[in-house]
Amino acid sequence: MELGALNDAFDRVTKKQKLSSSKVQEMIHRVGAEIETALQKLQAVSDVSDSPDLDVQAILRELNRATSEISSLTQMEVSQKELASALNKYAKAIDKHTNPEISKAYRSSANFDHRIVNQIIAGHLYRNGLFDLGDSFAGEAQDLAASAALKAPFLELYTILEAMRAGNLGPALDWVQTHGGPSAAGLELKLHSLQFIEMLKKGDRLGALGYARAHLPPFAVQHLAEVQRLMACLLWADRLSVSPYAELLSPALWDTAADELAREFCRQLGQPRESPLAVAVAAGAQALPTLLKLAGVMATGRRQEWEAMRQLPVAVELGRELQFHSVFVCPVAREPAGEENPPMLMPCGHALCRQSMVKLSKGSSRAFKCPYCPAEATAAQCRQLHL
C-alpha cells in the first residue's frame, strides 16, 4: 500500500480545489462590486434624470456586459474540468494502490481474547486523553472495572500536562520528586530551570535567586554547567532575550519537558510511551502488502498450511521506527537473555540479566551498584523487561 503516492494525488486534488474555489470567489466578488455600482447609478438616475427609463436601460446593459466579461462560463468550465480530472485521477490512484480484499490476510484460526483486545483499545483511548470516549467504549464492552484501573494513571498524567500548558509546573515537580527517582534527575532539573526562567521573565530577580538556592544545590555536582548557565542569567534578567542564554526562553523547552515527563511517567507504569495499539496498526499497515501477496500465493490448495503457519516464510520490511531490539545481551555476563534469565530494568534506567542481578546483590540480600553508572539499587527495585 503506497501511501506516499496517495498523499501526492490527494495534494494535487486539494491544490486544484483551492485554485478553483479562489477563482469562483474572485468572480463573485467582482460581480457583486459591479452590481453595487449599478445600484448606486440607478439611485442617482431616479433622483436627477428627466428620462429615467432610458438611463436605466443603459445602466442595465452596461451591467450585463461587465458581468459577462467577469464571469465567463468558459473560464468556470475550465476550472471545474481541471478539478474533476484531478478527482478522477485520485480515485484511480486509490484503486491502484489499495487492495479492498484485505480480509485475505486474516487467519480464521487466530485466537483472540476479546477481553484483552478491549482493554488494549480502552488503554489506547485513555493514553491519548480521550477519557469520555474510553469510558463509553468500556461501558459497551462491559469491562468498566478493568478500564478504570487503566484510566486512573493516565488521568493523572493529563492533569499534570494540562497544568504545564497553563504555565503551572507545581504538579509536575511534585510528581517527579515523589516518583521520579535517580533516573528522573535530569527531568527535575529541567522543570526547575523552566520555573527559574519564568520568574526572571516576570522581573522577580530576588525570587529567582531564592528559588535557585532552595532547589538547585542537589544538581550542582552532576549538572554543574547547567546550574552555572542559570546563575549567569541573573546578570541578564532585564534583557534575557538578547543575552547569550536567549535559547532558555524558547517555548520548545516546555514541549520537550512535557514529552520527557510523559515518557518517565509511562516508564514508571512499566509501559512504553507510544500506544501499543498504534504501533501494531502502523506495523500492520506496512506489512499488509506482503501478507496479501503471501495469502494470494497460498490461497489455491495451501489454505490449510496458511492457517497453521506459526512463522512467515518471507521477511517483512518495516520502517526504522518499528524496528526494536529482540535480543538483549547482559553487560555483566555477556550472554543473551532468555525466558529463564530475562533482562531486568534498574531504577536508573539501565538493564542487566536476572542472574547477574542476583549475583551482584549477593542473592538479592543487599544493594548493588549499576555496571553503567554510580547509581545503586536493590533487587526489589528492579523490574523485568519483556522483549
Protein backbone atom coordinates (compact mmCIF):
# COMPACT_ATOMS: atom_id res chain seq x y z
CA MET A 1 0.00 0.00 0.00
CA GLU A 2 1.95 3.01 -1.25
CA LEU A 3 0.61 5.78 0.94
CA GLY A 4 3.14 8.26 -0.44
CA ALA A 5 1.61 8.06 -3.92
CA LEU A 6 -1.88 8.51 -2.48
CA ASN A 7 -0.75 11.52 -0.48
CA ASP A 8 0.73 13.10 -3.62
CA ALA A 9 -2.50 12.52 -5.55
CA PHE A 10 -4.55 13.95 -2.69
CA ASP A 11 -2.31 17.03 -2.53
CA ARG A 12 -2.90 17.65 -6.24
CA VAL A 13 -6.67 17.44 -5.70
CA THR A 14 -6.59 19.91 -2.81
CA LYS A 15 -4.48 22.36 -4.83
CA LYS A 16 -6.92 22.20 -7.74
CA GLN A 17 -9.87 22.62 -5.39
CA LYS A 18 -8.32 25.66 -3.70
CA LEU A 19 -7.44 27.21 -7.08
CA SER A 20 -10.94 26.61 -8.43
CA SER A 21 -12.54 27.96 -5.26
CA SER A 22 -10.39 31.11 -5.28
CA LYS A 23 -11.27 31.82 -8.92
CA VAL A 24 -15.00 31.45 -8.24
CA GLN A 25 -14.78 33.61 -5.12
CA GLU A 26 -12.95 36.30 -7.08
CA MET A 27 -15.65 36.24 -9.78
CA ILE A 28 -18.41 36.51 -7.17
CA HIS A 29 -16.64 39.45 -5.52
CA ARG A 30 -16.21 41.32 -8.82
CA VAL A 31 -19.80 40.66 -9.91
CA GLY A 32 -21.03 41.89 -6.52
CA ALA A 33 -18.96 45.07 -6.93
CA GLU A 34 -20.45 45.69 -10.39
CA ILE A 35 -24.00 45.19 -9.07
CA GLU A 36 -23.30 47.57 -6.20
CA THR A 37 -22.02 50.17 -8.66
CA ALA A 38 -25.09 49.71 -10.87
CA LEU A 39 -27.41 50.15 -7.88
CA GLN A 40 -25.71 53.42 -6.98
CA LYS A 41 -26.11 54.65 -10.56
CA LEU A 42 -29.79 53.67 -10.60
CA GLN A 43 -30.36 55.58 -7.36
CA ALA A 44 -28.66 58.64 -8.79
CA VAL A 45 -30.70 58.43 -12.02
CA SER A 46 -34.00 58.21 -10.16
CA ASP A 47 -33.11 61.40 -8.27
CA VAL A 48 -31.92 63.70 -11.10
CA SER A 49 -32.77 62.33 -14.56
CA ASP A 50 -35.66 63.61 -16.72
CA SER A 51 -35.79 60.34 -18.70
CA PRO A 52 -35.07 57.61 -16.14
CA ASP A 53 -36.24 54.72 -18.35
CA LEU A 54 -33.57 55.33 -20.97
CA ASP A 55 -30.85 55.77 -18.37
CA VAL A 56 -31.95 52.62 -16.54
CA GLN A 57 -31.75 50.57 -19.71
CA ALA A 58 -28.25 51.85 -20.42
CA ILE A 59 -27.10 51.03 -16.89
CA LEU A 60 -28.53 47.51 -17.09
CA ARG A 61 -26.88 46.90 -20.48
CA GLU A 62 -23.55 48.04 -19.05
CA LEU A 63 -24.04 45.76 -16.03
CA ASN A 64 -24.84 42.80 -18.28
CA ARG A 65 -21.74 43.43 -20.39
CA ALA A 66 -19.46 43.80 -17.35
CA THR A 67 -20.74 40.66 -15.60
CA SER A 68 -20.47 38.62 -18.80
CA GLU A 69 -16.82 39.58 -19.13
CA ILE A 70 -16.10 38.82 -15.49
CA SER A 71 -17.94 35.51 -15.08
CA SER A 72 -17.13 33.87 -18.36
CA LEU A 73 -18.75 30.46 -18.49
CA THR A 74 -15.72 29.12 -20.36
CA GLN A 75 -13.37 30.14 -17.53
CA MET A 76 -15.52 28.38 -14.95
CA GLU A 77 -15.80 25.27 -17.11
CA VAL A 78 -12.02 25.05 -17.49
CA SER A 79 -11.52 25.36 -13.72
CA GLN A 80 -14.15 22.73 -12.95
CA LYS A 81 -12.82 20.34 -15.60
CA GLU A 82 -9.31 20.53 -14.09
CA LEU A 83 -10.73 19.76 -10.64
CA ALA A 84 -12.83 16.88 -12.00
CA SER A 85 -9.77 15.46 -13.77
CA ALA A 86 -7.72 15.57 -10.55
CA LEU A 87 -10.53 13.86 -8.64
CA ASN A 88 -10.78 11.15 -11.29
CA LYS A 89 -7.02 10.50 -11.12
CA TYR A 90 -7.19 10.35 -7.32
CA ALA A 91 -9.94 7.74 -7.46
CA LYS A 92 -7.83 5.67 -9.87
CA ALA A 93 -4.80 6.02 -7.57
CA ILE A 94 -6.87 4.68 -4.66
CA ASP A 95 -7.94 1.68 -6.74
CA LYS A 96 -4.36 1.09 -7.89
CA HIS A 97 -2.56 1.37 -4.57
CA THR A 98 -5.10 -0.23 -2.23
CA ASN A 99 -6.48 -3.72 -2.02
CA PRO A 100 -10.12 -3.92 -0.99
CA GLU A 101 -9.73 -7.63 -0.20
CA ILE A 102 -7.56 -7.20 2.88
CA SER A 103 -9.55 -9.96 4.57
CA LYS A 104 -7.39 -12.43 2.61
CA ALA A 105 -4.58 -11.78 5.07
CA TYR A 106 -6.79 -12.70 8.02
CA ARG A 107 -6.36 -16.13 9.54
CA SER A 108 -9.57 -17.59 10.90
CA SER A 109 -7.53 -19.92 13.10
CA ALA A 110 -6.11 -16.98 15.07
CA ASN A 111 -7.39 -16.93 18.63
CA PHE A 112 -8.18 -13.58 20.21
CA ASP A 113 -9.03 -12.93 23.81
CA HIS A 114 -11.71 -10.29 23.26
CA ARG A 115 -11.39 -9.02 26.82
CA ILE A 116 -7.68 -8.29 26.34
CA VAL A 117 -8.34 -6.68 22.94
CA ASN A 118 -11.00 -4.46 24.52
CA GLN A 119 -8.57 -3.44 27.26
CA ILE A 120 -5.92 -2.58 24.66
CA ILE A 121 -8.39 -0.34 22.82
CA ALA A 122 -9.58 1.32 26.03
CA GLY A 123 -5.96 1.82 27.10
CA HIS A 124 -5.19 3.45 23.75
CA LEU A 125 -8.07 5.91 24.20
CA TYR A 126 -7.05 6.78 27.76
CA ARG A 127 -3.39 7.07 26.77
CA ASN A 128 -4.39 9.70 24.19
CA GLY A 129 -6.51 11.67 26.64
CA LEU A 130 -9.87 10.57 25.17
CA PHE A 131 -11.36 9.75 28.56
CA ASP A 132 -15.05 10.20 27.71
CA LEU A 133 -14.69 8.06 24.62
CA GLY A 134 -12.75 5.46 26.61
CA ASP A 135 -15.48 5.33 29.24
CA SER A 136 -18.15 4.89 26.56
CA PHE A 137 -16.18 2.07 24.95
CA ALA A 138 -15.54 0.37 28.31
CA GLY A 139 -19.25 0.58 29.10
CA GLU A 140 -20.20 -1.05 25.81
CA ALA A 141 -17.53 -3.70 26.36
CA GLN A 142 -18.92 -4.28 29.87
CA ASP A 143 -15.46 -4.05 31.40
CA LEU A 144 -15.64 -0.87 33.48
CA ALA A 145 -13.67 -2.20 36.45
CA ALA A 146 -10.57 -3.15 34.44
CA SER A 147 -10.79 0.02 32.37
CA ALA A 148 -10.94 2.19 35.50
CA ALA A 149 -7.54 0.81 36.52
CA LEU A 150 -6.19 1.78 33.08
CA LYS A 151 -7.77 5.22 33.21
CA ALA A 152 -6.61 6.44 36.62
CA PRO A 153 -2.85 6.82 35.93
CA PHE A 154 -3.32 8.49 32.54
CA LEU A 155 -5.90 10.85 34.02
CA GLU A 156 -3.22 11.91 36.49
CA LEU A 157 -0.71 12.33 33.65
CA TYR A 158 -3.01 14.55 31.58
CA THR A 159 -3.89 16.62 34.65
CA ILE A 160 -0.16 17.31 35.08
CA LEU A 161 0.33 18.08 31.37
CA GLU A 162 -2.68 20.42 31.29
CA ALA A 163 -1.21 22.29 34.26
CA MET A 164 2.10 22.60 32.40
CA ARG A 165 0.32 24.01 29.34
CA ALA A 166 -1.22 26.61 31.64
CA GLY A 167 2.25 27.53 32.93
CA ASN A 168 1.88 25.73 36.28
CA LEU A 169 4.87 23.46 36.98
CA GLY A 170 3.84 22.61 40.54
CA PRO A 171 2.05 19.29 39.83
CA ALA A 172 4.88 18.15 37.53
CA LEU A 173 7.54 18.91 40.12
CA ASP A 174 5.53 17.23 42.87
CA TRP A 175 5.17 14.06 40.79
CA VAL A 176 8.86 13.93 39.78
CA GLN A 177 10.05 14.49 43.34
CA THR A 178 7.70 11.79 44.63
CA HIS A 179 8.04 9.15 41.91
CA GLY A 180 10.97 10.09 39.70
CA GLY A 181 13.99 8.66 41.46
CA PRO A 182 17.60 8.94 40.21
CA SER A 183 16.67 8.32 36.57
CA ALA A 184 14.49 11.47 36.54
CA ALA A 185 17.10 13.85 37.97
CA GLY A 186 17.66 15.46 34.57
CA LEU A 187 13.92 15.98 34.13
CA GLU A 188 13.60 17.55 37.57
CA LEU A 189 16.40 19.98 36.75
CA LYS A 190 14.66 20.94 33.51
CA LEU A 191 11.46 21.69 35.38
CA HIS A 192 13.29 23.77 37.99
CA SER A 193 15.06 25.61 35.16
CA LEU A 194 11.75 26.46 33.48
CA GLN A 195 10.36 27.76 36.79
CA PHE A 196 13.53 29.79 37.38
CA ILE A 197 13.36 31.39 33.92
CA GLU A 198 9.66 32.16 34.32
CA MET A 199 10.45 34.11 37.49
CA LEU A 200 13.16 36.06 35.67
CA LYS A 201 10.78 36.85 32.80
CA LYS A 202 8.40 38.40 35.34
CA GLY A 203 11.24 40.56 36.68
CA ASP A 204 11.46 38.76 40.03
CA ARG A 205 15.25 38.52 40.28
CA LEU A 206 15.33 38.11 44.05
CA GLY A 207 12.62 35.47 43.92
CA ALA A 208 14.53 33.58 41.21
CA LEU A 209 17.72 33.72 43.30
CA GLY A 210 15.87 32.39 46.34
CA TYR A 211 14.32 29.63 44.24
CA ALA A 212 17.74 28.64 42.90
CA ARG A 213 19.22 28.50 46.40
CA ALA A 214 16.36 26.30 47.56
CA HIS A 215 16.20 23.83 44.69
CA LEU A 216 19.37 23.77 42.57
CA PRO A 217 22.18 22.76 45.01
CA PRO A 218 21.43 18.97 44.73
CA PHE A 219 22.17 19.18 40.98
CA ALA A 220 25.42 21.12 41.22
CA VAL A 221 27.68 18.04 41.23
CA GLN A 222 26.39 16.19 38.16
CA HIS A 223 24.91 19.18 36.30
CA LEU A 224 27.30 21.98 37.19
CA ALA A 225 27.36 23.55 33.70
CA GLU A 226 23.57 23.82 33.56
CA VAL A 227 23.38 25.37 37.02
CA GLN A 228 26.11 27.89 36.12
CA ARG A 229 24.19 28.93 33.00
CA LEU A 230 21.10 29.56 35.09
CA MET A 231 23.04 31.63 37.59
CA ALA A 232 24.55 33.70 34.78
CA CYS A 233 21.01 34.52 33.63
CA LEU A 234 20.61 36.63 36.78
CA LEU A 235 23.06 39.14 35.27
CA TRP A 236 20.85 39.47 32.18
CA ALA A 237 17.49 39.42 33.94
CA ASP A 238 16.24 42.66 32.32
CA ARG A 239 17.42 41.72 28.79
CA LEU A 240 17.42 37.95 28.72
CA SER A 241 16.08 37.88 25.15
CA VAL A 242 19.31 39.46 23.81
CA SER A 243 21.64 37.58 26.14
CA PRO A 244 23.84 34.56 25.34
CA TYR A 245 21.16 32.49 27.10
CA ALA A 246 18.20 33.59 24.98
CA GLU A 247 17.51 29.97 23.94
CA LEU A 248 16.32 29.31 27.50
CA LEU A 249 13.22 31.37 26.62
CA SER A 250 12.20 29.01 23.83
CA PRO A 251 8.65 27.55 24.20
CA ALA A 252 10.05 24.33 22.72
CA LEU A 253 11.73 23.65 26.07
CA TRP A 254 8.28 23.31 27.65
CA ASP A 255 7.23 20.81 24.97
CA THR A 256 10.45 18.83 25.47
CA ALA A 257 9.96 18.74 29.24
CA ALA A 258 6.32 17.64 28.84
CA ASP A 259 7.29 14.84 26.47
CA GLU A 260 10.11 13.68 28.76
CA LEU A 261 7.75 13.73 31.74
CA ALA A 262 5.21 11.62 29.82
CA ARG A 263 7.93 9.12 28.94
CA GLU A 264 9.12 8.90 32.53
CA PHE A 265 5.52 8.54 33.70
CA CYS A 266 4.93 5.64 31.32
CA ARG A 267 8.26 4.08 32.33
CA GLN A 268 7.16 4.15 35.96
CA LEU A 269 3.99 2.34 34.89
CA GLY A 270 6.07 -0.25 33.06
CA GLN A 271 4.55 0.79 29.73
CA PRO A 272 6.02 2.21 26.51
CA ARG A 273 5.48 5.88 25.65
CA GLU A 274 3.84 5.05 22.32
CA SER A 275 0.48 3.32 22.28
CA PRO A 276 0.92 -0.44 21.64
CA LEU A 277 -2.24 -0.36 19.54
CA ALA A 278 -0.93 2.49 17.39
CA VAL A 279 2.40 0.69 16.90
CA ALA A 280 0.63 -2.55 15.98
CA VAL A 281 -1.64 -0.79 13.46
CA ALA A 282 1.31 1.06 11.90
CA ALA A 283 3.30 -2.16 11.60
CA GLY A 284 0.28 -3.99 10.19
CA ALA A 285 -0.26 -1.30 7.54
CA GLN A 286 3.35 -1.64 6.37
CA ALA A 287 3.25 -5.45 6.45
CA LEU A 288 -0.15 -5.80 4.77
CA PRO A 289 1.05 -5.79 1.11
CA THR A 290 3.48 -8.63 1.82
CA LEU A 291 0.86 -10.58 3.75
CA LEU A 292 -1.69 -10.15 0.94
CA LYS A 293 0.78 -11.42 -1.65
CA LEU A 294 1.65 -14.40 0.53
CA ALA A 295 -2.01 -15.15 1.20
CA GLY A 296 -2.74 -14.94 -2.53
CA VAL A 297 0.03 -17.42 -3.36
CA MET A 298 -1.17 -19.88 -0.73
CA ALA A 299 -4.88 -19.40 -1.43
CA THR A 300 -5.01 -22.20 -4.01
CA GLY A 301 -4.60 -25.59 -2.37
CA ARG A 302 -2.46 -24.41 0.54
CA ARG A 303 -5.04 -22.61 2.63
CA GLN A 304 -4.73 -25.15 5.45
CA GLU A 305 -0.97 -24.59 5.57
CA TRP A 306 -1.55 -20.83 5.73
CA GLU A 307 -3.93 -21.23 8.67
CA ALA A 308 -1.48 -23.43 10.60
CA MET A 309 1.65 -21.34 9.88
CA ARG A 310 3.43 -20.09 13.01
CA GLN A 311 6.23 -18.22 11.23
CA LEU A 312 6.19 -16.33 7.94
CA PRO A 313 8.36 -17.84 5.19
CA VAL A 314 9.29 -14.37 3.90
CA ALA A 315 10.79 -11.29 5.52
CA VAL A 316 8.52 -8.32 6.22
CA GLU A 317 10.31 -4.98 5.83
CA LEU A 318 9.28 -2.37 8.40
CA GLY A 319 10.43 1.21 8.89
CA ARG A 320 13.20 2.03 11.33
CA GLU A 321 10.64 3.47 13.76
CA LEU A 322 9.15 -0.03 14.04
CA GLN A 323 12.41 -1.92 14.48
CA PHE A 324 13.07 -2.96 18.06
CA HIS A 325 15.84 -4.99 19.64
CA SER A 326 14.56 -8.51 20.17
CA VAL A 327 17.78 -9.76 21.79
CA PHE A 328 19.37 -8.37 24.94
CA VAL A 329 22.96 -9.19 25.90
CA CYS A 330 23.77 -8.76 29.57
CA PRO A 331 26.69 -6.30 30.08
CA VAL A 332 27.90 -8.32 33.08
CA ALA A 333 27.58 -11.94 31.97
CA ARG A 334 27.98 -11.02 28.26
CA GLU A 335 25.34 -13.58 27.38
CA PRO A 336 21.97 -13.15 25.67
CA ALA A 337 18.89 -13.03 27.86
CA GLY A 338 16.25 -15.75 27.73
CA GLU A 339 12.98 -16.80 29.29
CA GLU A 340 14.71 -18.27 32.35
CA ASN A 341 17.18 -15.38 32.61
CA PRO A 342 15.22 -12.28 31.50
CA PRO A 343 16.59 -8.74 31.44
CA MET A 344 15.83 -6.61 34.50
CA LEU A 345 15.41 -2.82 34.43
CA MET A 346 17.13 -0.91 37.23
CA PRO A 347 15.71 2.36 38.65
CA CYS A 348 18.46 4.33 36.91
CA GLY A 349 17.20 3.11 33.51
CA HIS A 350 19.99 0.60 32.77
CA ALA A 351 19.43 -3.14 32.41
CA LEU A 352 21.14 -6.45 33.16
CA CYS A 353 20.08 -10.09 33.34
CA ARG A 354 18.36 -11.55 36.39
CA GLN A 355 21.19 -13.95 37.17
CA SER A 356 23.70 -11.07 37.14
CA MET A 357 21.39 -9.04 39.36
CA VAL A 358 21.15 -11.90 41.86
CA LYS A 359 24.92 -12.37 41.82
CA LEU A 360 25.68 -8.67 42.30
CA SER A 361 23.13 -8.35 45.10
CA LYS A 362 24.50 -11.41 46.89
CA GLY A 363 21.35 -13.42 46.48
CA SER A 364 19.05 -10.36 46.43
CA SER A 365 20.04 -9.55 50.01
CA ARG A 366 21.75 -6.18 49.58
CA ALA A 367 22.05 -3.13 47.34
CA PHE A 368 24.42 -3.25 44.38
CA LYS A 369 25.98 -0.72 42.02
CA CYS A 370 24.86 -0.34 38.43
CA PRO A 371 27.53 -1.57 35.96
CA TYR A 372 26.97 1.58 33.85
CA CYS A 373 26.62 4.43 36.35
CA PRO A 374 27.19 5.19 40.07
CA ALA A 375 23.54 4.59 40.99
CA GLU A 376 22.71 1.81 43.46
CA ALA A 377 19.63 -0.40 43.57
CA THR A 378 18.18 -3.44 45.29
CA ALA A 379 16.73 -6.50 43.61
CA ALA A 380 13.23 -5.48 44.76
CA GLN A 381 13.55 -2.20 42.85
CA CYS A 382 14.30 -3.91 39.54
CA ARG A 383 11.57 -4.75 37.04
CA GLN A 384 11.51 -7.44 34.41
CA LEU A 385 11.74 -6.30 30.79
CA HIS A 386 9.69 -8.13 28.16
CA LEU A 387 11.36 -8.29 24.76
